[in-house]
Amino acid sequence: MAELYNAAAPKKAANLSINSDLLRKARDLKVNLSATLERALKEELAKREAAQWVEANRAAIKSYNDFVEQHGCFGDEFRDF
């Protein structure tokens, strides 16, 4: 599977707008904003790429599920559960 992003890419400054109370509370608790944003973006990217994969493969998934429903899974005769 291809990497989600290049973790070794250099850092780049970005200007963001954020709720001032949320920012104040995060700073009070010494939350690392950059690391937290990177982690949240990584999770969001993974979720969206997974959804795109499912959509791109929807027909194949349906075809496979229809086949299994009709013919069973390979090796079913060897299952003892």
N, C-alpha and C. Protein backbone atom coordinates (compact mmCIF):
# COMPACT_ATOMS: atom_id res chain seq x y z
N MET A 1 0.84 -1.18 0.00
CA MET A 1 0.00 0.00 0.00
C MET A 1 0.88 1.24 0.00
N ALA A 2 0.54 2.22 -0.77
CA ALA A 2 1.31 3.46 -0.87
C ALA A 2 1.21 4.23 0.45
N GLU A 3 2.28 4.95 0.74
CA GLU A 3 2.28 5.76 1.95
C GLU A 3 1.25 6.87 1.84
N LEU A 4 0.67 7.22 2.96
CA LEU A 4 -0.35 8.26 3.01
C LEU A 4 0.25 9.61 2.66
N TYR A 5 1.46 9.86 3.15
CA TYR A 5 2.15 11.11 2.86
C TYR A 5 3.63 10.91 3.17
N ASN A 6 4.46 11.83 2.75
CA ASN A 6 5.90 11.74 2.99
C ASN A 6 6.21 12.32 4.36
N ALA A 7 6.41 11.46 5.34
CA ALA A 7 6.67 11.90 6.70
C ALA A 7 8.01 12.63 6.83
N ALA A 8 8.89 12.44 5.86
CA ALA A 8 10.20 13.09 5.91
C ALA A 8 10.21 14.45 5.20
N ALA A 9 9.10 14.84 4.62
CA ALA A 9 9.04 16.14 3.93
C ALA A 9 9.31 17.26 4.93
N PRO A 10 9.92 18.35 4.46
CA PRO A 10 10.22 19.45 5.39
C PRO A 10 8.95 20.11 5.91
N LYS A 11 9.07 20.72 7.08
CA LYS A 11 7.95 21.45 7.68
C LYS A 11 7.74 22.75 6.91
N LYS A 12 6.50 23.21 6.88
CA LYS A 12 6.16 24.46 6.21
C LYS A 12 5.20 25.23 7.11
N ALA A 13 5.47 26.50 7.29
CA ALA A 13 4.60 27.34 8.11
C ALA A 13 3.26 27.53 7.42
N ALA A 14 2.21 27.60 8.22
CA ALA A 14 0.86 27.81 7.68
C ALA A 14 0.10 28.73 8.63
N ASN A 15 -0.68 29.61 8.05
CA ASN A 15 -1.52 30.49 8.86
C ASN A 15 -2.89 29.84 9.00
N LEU A 16 -3.37 29.75 10.23
CA LEU A 16 -4.67 29.13 10.51
C LEU A 16 -5.50 30.06 11.36
N SER A 17 -6.79 29.91 11.23
CA SER A 17 -7.72 30.60 12.13
C SER A 17 -8.34 29.54 13.02
N ILE A 18 -8.38 29.82 14.31
CA ILE A 18 -8.89 28.85 15.27
C ILE A 18 -9.66 29.60 16.35
N ASN A 19 -10.62 28.94 16.92
CA ASN A 19 -11.40 29.50 18.00
C ASN A 19 -10.45 29.96 19.11
N SER A 20 -10.56 31.21 19.52
CA SER A 20 -9.60 31.79 20.47
C SER A 20 -9.64 31.09 21.83
N ASP A 21 -10.81 30.67 22.29
CA ASP A 21 -10.90 29.98 23.58
C ASP A 21 -10.26 28.59 23.49
N LEU A 22 -10.49 27.92 22.39
CA LEU A 22 -9.89 26.61 22.17
C LEU A 22 -8.37 26.74 22.16
N LEU A 23 -7.86 27.74 21.48
CA LEU A 23 -6.42 27.96 21.41
C LEU A 23 -5.85 28.28 22.79
N ARG A 24 -6.53 29.13 23.54
CA ARG A 24 -6.06 29.50 24.87
C ARG A 24 -5.99 28.28 25.78
N LYS A 25 -7.04 27.46 25.75
CA LYS A 25 -7.06 26.27 26.61
C LYS A 25 -5.98 25.27 26.20
N ALA A 26 -5.77 25.11 24.91
CA ALA A 26 -4.73 24.21 24.43
C ALA A 26 -3.36 24.70 24.87
N ARG A 27 -3.13 25.98 24.76
CA ARG A 27 -1.84 26.55 25.18
C ARG A 27 -1.66 26.42 26.70
N ASP A 28 -2.74 26.65 27.45
CA ASP A 28 -2.67 26.50 28.91
C ASP A 28 -2.24 25.09 29.30
N LEU A 29 -2.69 24.12 28.53
CA LEU A 29 -2.34 22.71 28.80
C LEU A 29 -1.08 22.26 28.07
N LYS A 30 -0.42 23.22 27.43
CA LYS A 30 0.84 22.98 26.72
C LYS A 30 0.69 21.90 25.63
N VAL A 31 -0.43 21.98 24.90
CA VAL A 31 -0.65 21.07 23.78
C VAL A 31 0.26 21.48 22.64
N ASN A 32 0.96 20.54 22.05
CA ASN A 32 1.80 20.81 20.89
C ASN A 32 0.86 20.93 19.68
N LEU A 33 0.61 22.15 19.26
CA LEU A 33 -0.38 22.40 18.21
C LEU A 33 0.03 21.76 16.88
N SER A 34 1.29 21.88 16.52
CA SER A 34 1.75 21.33 15.24
C SER A 34 1.58 19.81 15.21
N ALA A 35 2.03 19.14 16.26
CA ALA A 35 1.92 17.68 16.31
C ALA A 35 0.47 17.23 16.33
N THR A 36 -0.36 17.95 17.06
CA THR A 36 -1.78 17.61 17.16
C THR A 36 -2.47 17.79 15.81
N LEU A 37 -2.17 18.88 15.12
CA LEU A 37 -2.76 19.11 13.80
C LEU A 37 -2.28 18.05 12.81
N GLU A 38 -0.99 17.74 12.82
CA GLU A 38 -0.48 16.71 11.91
C GLU A 38 -1.17 15.37 12.15
N ARG A 39 -1.34 15.00 13.42
CA ARG A 39 -2.00 13.74 13.75
C ARG A 39 -3.46 13.75 13.27
N ALA A 40 -4.15 14.85 13.50
CA ALA A 40 -5.55 14.95 13.08
C ALA A 40 -5.68 14.92 11.55
N LEU A 41 -4.77 15.61 10.86
CA LEU A 41 -4.80 15.60 9.39
C LEU A 41 -4.48 14.22 8.85
N LYS A 42 -3.54 13.52 9.46
CA LYS A 42 -3.20 12.17 9.03
C LYS A 42 -4.42 11.25 9.16
N GLU A 43 -5.12 11.34 10.29
CA GLU A 43 -6.32 10.52 10.51
C GLU A 43 -7.41 10.87 9.49
N GLU A 44 -7.60 12.15 9.23
CA GLU A 44 -8.61 12.58 8.27
C GLU A 44 -8.27 12.12 6.85
N LEU A 45 -6.99 12.24 6.47
CA LEU A 45 -6.57 11.78 5.15
C LEU A 45 -6.79 10.27 4.99
N ALA A 46 -6.43 9.51 6.02
CA ALA A 46 -6.61 8.06 5.97
C ALA A 46 -8.08 7.71 5.81
N LYS A 47 -8.93 8.38 6.55
CA LYS A 47 -10.36 8.13 6.48
C LYS A 47 -10.91 8.45 5.09
N ARG A 48 -10.51 9.58 4.56
CA ARG A 48 -11.01 9.98 3.23
C ARG A 48 -10.46 9.11 2.12
N GLU A 49 -9.18 8.72 2.21
CA GLU A 49 -8.62 7.84 1.19
C GLU A 49 -9.27 6.46 1.24
N ALA A 50 -9.59 5.99 2.43
CA ALA A 50 -10.29 4.70 2.56
C ALA A 50 -11.67 4.79 1.92
N ALA A 51 -12.37 5.89 2.16
CA ALA A 51 -13.70 6.08 1.56
C ALA A 51 -13.60 6.15 0.04
N GLN A 52 -12.57 6.82 -0.47
CA GLN A 52 -12.37 6.89 -1.93
C GLN A 52 -12.09 5.50 -2.50
N TRP A 53 -11.29 4.70 -1.78
CA TRP A 53 -10.98 3.35 -2.24
C TRP A 53 -12.25 2.51 -2.31
N VAL A 54 -13.07 2.58 -1.28
CA VAL A 54 -14.32 1.82 -1.27
C VAL A 54 -15.19 2.25 -2.45
N GLU A 55 -15.29 3.54 -2.68
CA GLU A 55 -16.12 4.03 -3.79
C GLU A 55 -15.56 3.56 -5.13
N ALA A 56 -14.25 3.64 -5.30
CA ALA A 56 -13.63 3.23 -6.56
C ALA A 56 -13.77 1.73 -6.80
N ASN A 57 -13.90 0.95 -5.74
CA ASN A 57 -13.96 -0.50 -5.85
C ASN A 57 -15.35 -1.06 -5.53
N ARG A 58 -16.33 -0.19 -5.46
CA ARG A 58 -17.69 -0.60 -5.08
C ARG A 58 -18.22 -1.72 -5.97
N ALA A 59 -18.05 -1.62 -7.27
CA ALA A 59 -18.58 -2.63 -8.19
C ALA A 59 -17.88 -3.97 -7.98
N ALA A 60 -16.57 -3.95 -7.81
CA ALA A 60 -15.84 -5.20 -7.59
C ALA A 60 -16.22 -5.84 -6.26
N ILE A 61 -16.39 -5.03 -5.23
CA ILE A 61 -16.79 -5.54 -3.92
C ILE A 61 -18.16 -6.19 -4.01
N LYS A 62 -19.09 -5.53 -4.70
CA LYS A 62 -20.44 -6.08 -4.85
C LYS A 62 -20.40 -7.37 -5.64
N SER A 63 -19.61 -7.40 -6.71
CA SER A 63 -19.49 -8.60 -7.53
C SER A 63 -18.94 -9.76 -6.69
N TYR A 64 -17.92 -9.51 -5.91
CA TYR A 64 -17.34 -10.55 -5.07
C TYR A 64 -18.35 -11.04 -4.04
N ASN A 65 -19.03 -10.12 -3.37
CA ASN A 65 -20.02 -10.50 -2.37
C ASN A 65 -21.16 -11.31 -2.99
N ASP A 66 -21.59 -10.93 -4.19
CA ASP A 66 -22.63 -11.69 -4.89
C ASP A 66 -22.14 -13.10 -5.20
N PHE A 67 -20.89 -13.22 -5.65
CA PHE A 67 -20.31 -14.53 -5.96
C PHE A 67 -20.27 -15.41 -4.71
N VAL A 68 -19.79 -14.85 -3.60
CA VAL A 68 -19.69 -15.61 -2.35
C VAL A 68 -21.08 -16.03 -1.87
N GLU A 69 -22.03 -15.14 -2.00
CA GLU A 69 -23.39 -15.48 -1.58
C GLU A 69 -23.95 -16.63 -2.42
N GLN A 70 -23.61 -16.65 -3.68
CA GLN A 70 -24.13 -17.66 -4.59
C GLN A 70 -23.35 -18.98 -4.49
N HIS A 71 -22.03 -18.89 -4.37
CA HIS A 71 -21.19 -20.08 -4.44
C HIS A 71 -20.46 -20.42 -3.14
N GLY A 72 -20.48 -19.54 -2.18
CA GLY A 72 -19.73 -19.76 -0.95
C GLY A 72 -18.29 -19.32 -1.11
N CYS A 73 -17.55 -19.38 -0.01
CA CYS A 73 -16.14 -18.99 -0.01
C CYS A 73 -15.26 -20.17 -0.37
N PHE A 74 -14.13 -19.86 -0.98
CA PHE A 74 -13.13 -20.88 -1.26
C PHE A 74 -12.72 -21.51 0.07
N GLY A 75 -12.72 -22.82 0.13
CA GLY A 75 -12.29 -23.53 1.31
C GLY A 75 -13.39 -23.75 2.34
N ASP A 76 -14.63 -23.37 2.03
CA ASP A 76 -15.73 -23.57 2.98
C ASP A 76 -15.84 -25.04 3.41
N GLU A 77 -15.54 -25.94 2.49
CA GLU A 77 -15.69 -27.36 2.82
C GLU A 77 -14.69 -27.83 3.87
N PHE A 78 -13.65 -27.05 4.13
CA PHE A 78 -12.64 -27.43 5.10
C PHE A 78 -12.85 -26.75 6.47
N ARG A 79 -13.81 -25.86 6.55
CA ARG A 79 -14.07 -25.16 7.81
C ARG A 79 -14.80 -26.07 8.77
N ASP A 80 -14.41 -26.02 10.03
CA ASP A 80 -15.09 -26.83 11.04
C ASP A 80 -15.70 -25.94 12.13
N PHE A 81 -15.99 -24.72 11.80
CA PHE A 81 -16.64 -23.82 12.75
C PHE A 81 -17.85 -23.19 12.12
